[in-house]
């Protein structure tokens, strides 16, 4: 699974808004490299997520369980 992230106050359809003022898109793929996944995310207007804070890690774990991907 790849997770794209973009900074935005309003998320496009299919993206999930976070309390961290970012939008996340969960994408199920069979991609095998970081570079290929990053390119896919960039094509959708974001970047491959890099979890930087404990708050973000907790949020992404919680939302990934409830989000269909």
C-alpha atoms as a PDB file:
ATOM      1  CA  UNK A   1       0.000   0.000   0.000  1.00  0.00           C
ATOM      2  CA  UNK A   2       1.190   3.495  -0.816  1.00  0.00           C
ATOM      3  CA  UNK A   3      -0.001   6.548   1.045  1.00  0.00           C
ATOM      4  CA  UNK A   4       0.133   9.905  -0.718  1.00  0.00           C
ATOM      5  CA  UNK A   5       0.057  13.087   1.317  1.00  0.00           C
ATOM      6  CA  UNK A   6      -0.442  16.719   0.392  1.00  0.00           C
ATOM      7  CA  UNK A   7      -0.791  19.856   2.497  1.00  0.00           C
ATOM      8  CA  UNK A   8      -4.244  21.311   2.055  1.00  0.00           C
ATOM      9  CA  UNK A   9      -7.182  22.561   4.059  1.00  0.00           C
ATOM     10  CA  UNK A  10      -9.661  21.029   1.568  1.00  0.00           C
ATOM     11  CA  UNK A  11      -9.145  17.505   0.276  1.00  0.00           C
ATOM     12  CA  UNK A  12     -10.054  16.252  -3.190  1.00  0.00           C
ATOM     13  CA  UNK A  13     -12.582  13.438  -3.558  1.00  0.00           C
ATOM     14  CA  UNK A  14     -11.169  10.155  -2.263  1.00  0.00           C
ATOM     15  CA  UNK A  15      -8.524  11.809  -0.077  1.00  0.00           C
ATOM     16  CA  UNK A  16      -8.867  11.713   3.731  1.00  0.00           C
ATOM     17  CA  UNK A  17      -8.530  14.942   5.708  1.00  0.00           C
ATOM     18  CA  UNK A  18      -6.366  14.795   8.817  1.00  0.00           C
ATOM     19  CA  UNK A  19      -6.377  17.016  11.894  1.00  0.00           C
ATOM     20  CA  UNK A  20      -2.804  17.898  10.857  1.00  0.00           C
ATOM     21  CA  UNK A  21      -3.999  20.051   7.899  1.00  0.00           C
ATOM     22  CA  UNK A  22      -2.967  17.419   5.364  1.00  0.00           C
ATOM     23  CA  UNK A  23      -4.808  15.143   2.968  1.00  0.00           C
ATOM     24  CA  UNK A  24      -3.980  11.455   2.643  1.00  0.00           C
ATOM     25  CA  UNK A  25      -4.790   9.011  -0.163  1.00  0.00           C
ATOM     26  CA  UNK A  26      -4.447   5.292   0.478  1.00  0.00           C
ATOM     27  CA  UNK A  27      -3.534   3.392  -2.700  1.00  0.00           C
ATOM     28  CA  UNK A  28      -3.263  -0.370  -2.978  1.00  0.00           C
ATOM     29  CA  UNK A  29      -0.551  -1.243  -5.471  1.00  0.00           C
ATOM     30  CA  UNK A  30       1.963  -3.924  -6.212  1.00  0.00           C
ATOM     31  CA  UNK A  31       4.720  -1.361  -6.690  1.00  0.00           C
ATOM     32  CA  UNK A  32       8.047  -2.514  -5.358  1.00  0.00           C
ATOM     33  CA  UNK A  33      10.282   0.529  -5.041  1.00  0.00           C
ATOM     34  CA  UNK A  34      10.143   3.779  -3.104  1.00  0.00           C
ATOM     35  CA  UNK A  35      10.899   5.751  -6.277  1.00  0.00           C
ATOM     36  CA  UNK A  36       8.030   4.164  -8.237  1.00  0.00           C
ATOM     37  CA  UNK A  37       5.616   4.778  -5.348  1.00  0.00           C
ATOM     38  CA  UNK A  38       6.786   8.397  -5.029  1.00  0.00           C
ATOM     39  CA  UNK A  39       6.205   8.926  -8.767  1.00  0.00           C
ATOM     40  CA  UNK A  40       2.669   7.514  -8.455  1.00  0.00           C
ATOM     41  CA  UNK A  41       1.961   9.854  -5.541  1.00  0.00           C
ATOM     42  CA  UNK A  42       3.424  12.843  -7.420  1.00  0.00           C
ATOM     43  CA  UNK A  43       1.199  12.050 -10.412  1.00  0.00           C
ATOM     44  CA  UNK A  44      -1.780  12.401  -8.044  1.00  0.00           C
ATOM     45  CA  UNK A  45      -0.564  15.737  -6.663  1.00  0.00           C
ATOM     46  CA  UNK A  46       1.104  14.537  -3.481  1.00  0.00           C
ATOM     47  CA  UNK A  47       4.166  12.812  -2.123  1.00  0.00           C
ATOM     48  CA  UNK A  48       4.788   9.439  -0.548  1.00  0.00           C
ATOM     49  CA  UNK A  49       4.094   9.925   3.130  1.00  0.00           C
ATOM     50  CA  UNK A  50       7.002  10.263   5.559  1.00  0.00           C
ATOM     51  CA  UNK A  51       5.716   9.878   9.091  1.00  0.00           C
ATOM     52  CA  UNK A  52       7.532  12.508  11.134  1.00  0.00           C
ATOM     53  CA  UNK A  53       5.687  12.819  14.436  1.00  0.00           C
ATOM     54  CA  UNK A  54       4.174  10.415  16.936  1.00  0.00           C
ATOM     55  CA  UNK A  55       0.835  12.190  16.446  1.00  0.00           C
ATOM     56  CA  UNK A  56       0.972  11.478  12.703  1.00  0.00           C
ATOM     57  CA  UNK A  57       1.919   7.816  13.297  1.00  0.00           C
ATOM     58  CA  UNK A  58      -1.002   7.322  15.705  1.00  0.00           C
ATOM     59  CA  UNK A  59      -3.440   9.021  13.315  1.00  0.00           C
ATOM     60  CA  UNK A  60      -2.297   7.072  10.248  1.00  0.00           C
ATOM     61  CA  UNK A  61      -2.559   3.757  12.118  1.00  0.00           C
ATOM     62  CA  UNK A  62      -6.094   4.568  13.258  1.00  0.00           C
ATOM     63  CA  UNK A  63      -7.351   5.801   9.886  1.00  0.00           C
ATOM     64  CA  UNK A  64      -5.706   3.027   7.849  1.00  0.00           C
ATOM     65  CA  UNK A  65      -7.780   0.463   9.746  1.00  0.00           C
ATOM     66  CA  UNK A  66     -11.053   2.192   8.824  1.00  0.00           C
ATOM     67  CA  UNK A  67     -10.168   3.346   5.290  1.00  0.00           C
ATOM     68  CA  UNK A  68     -10.824   1.001   2.400  1.00  0.00           C
ATOM     69  CA  UNK A  69      -7.763   0.644   0.155  1.00  0.00           C
END
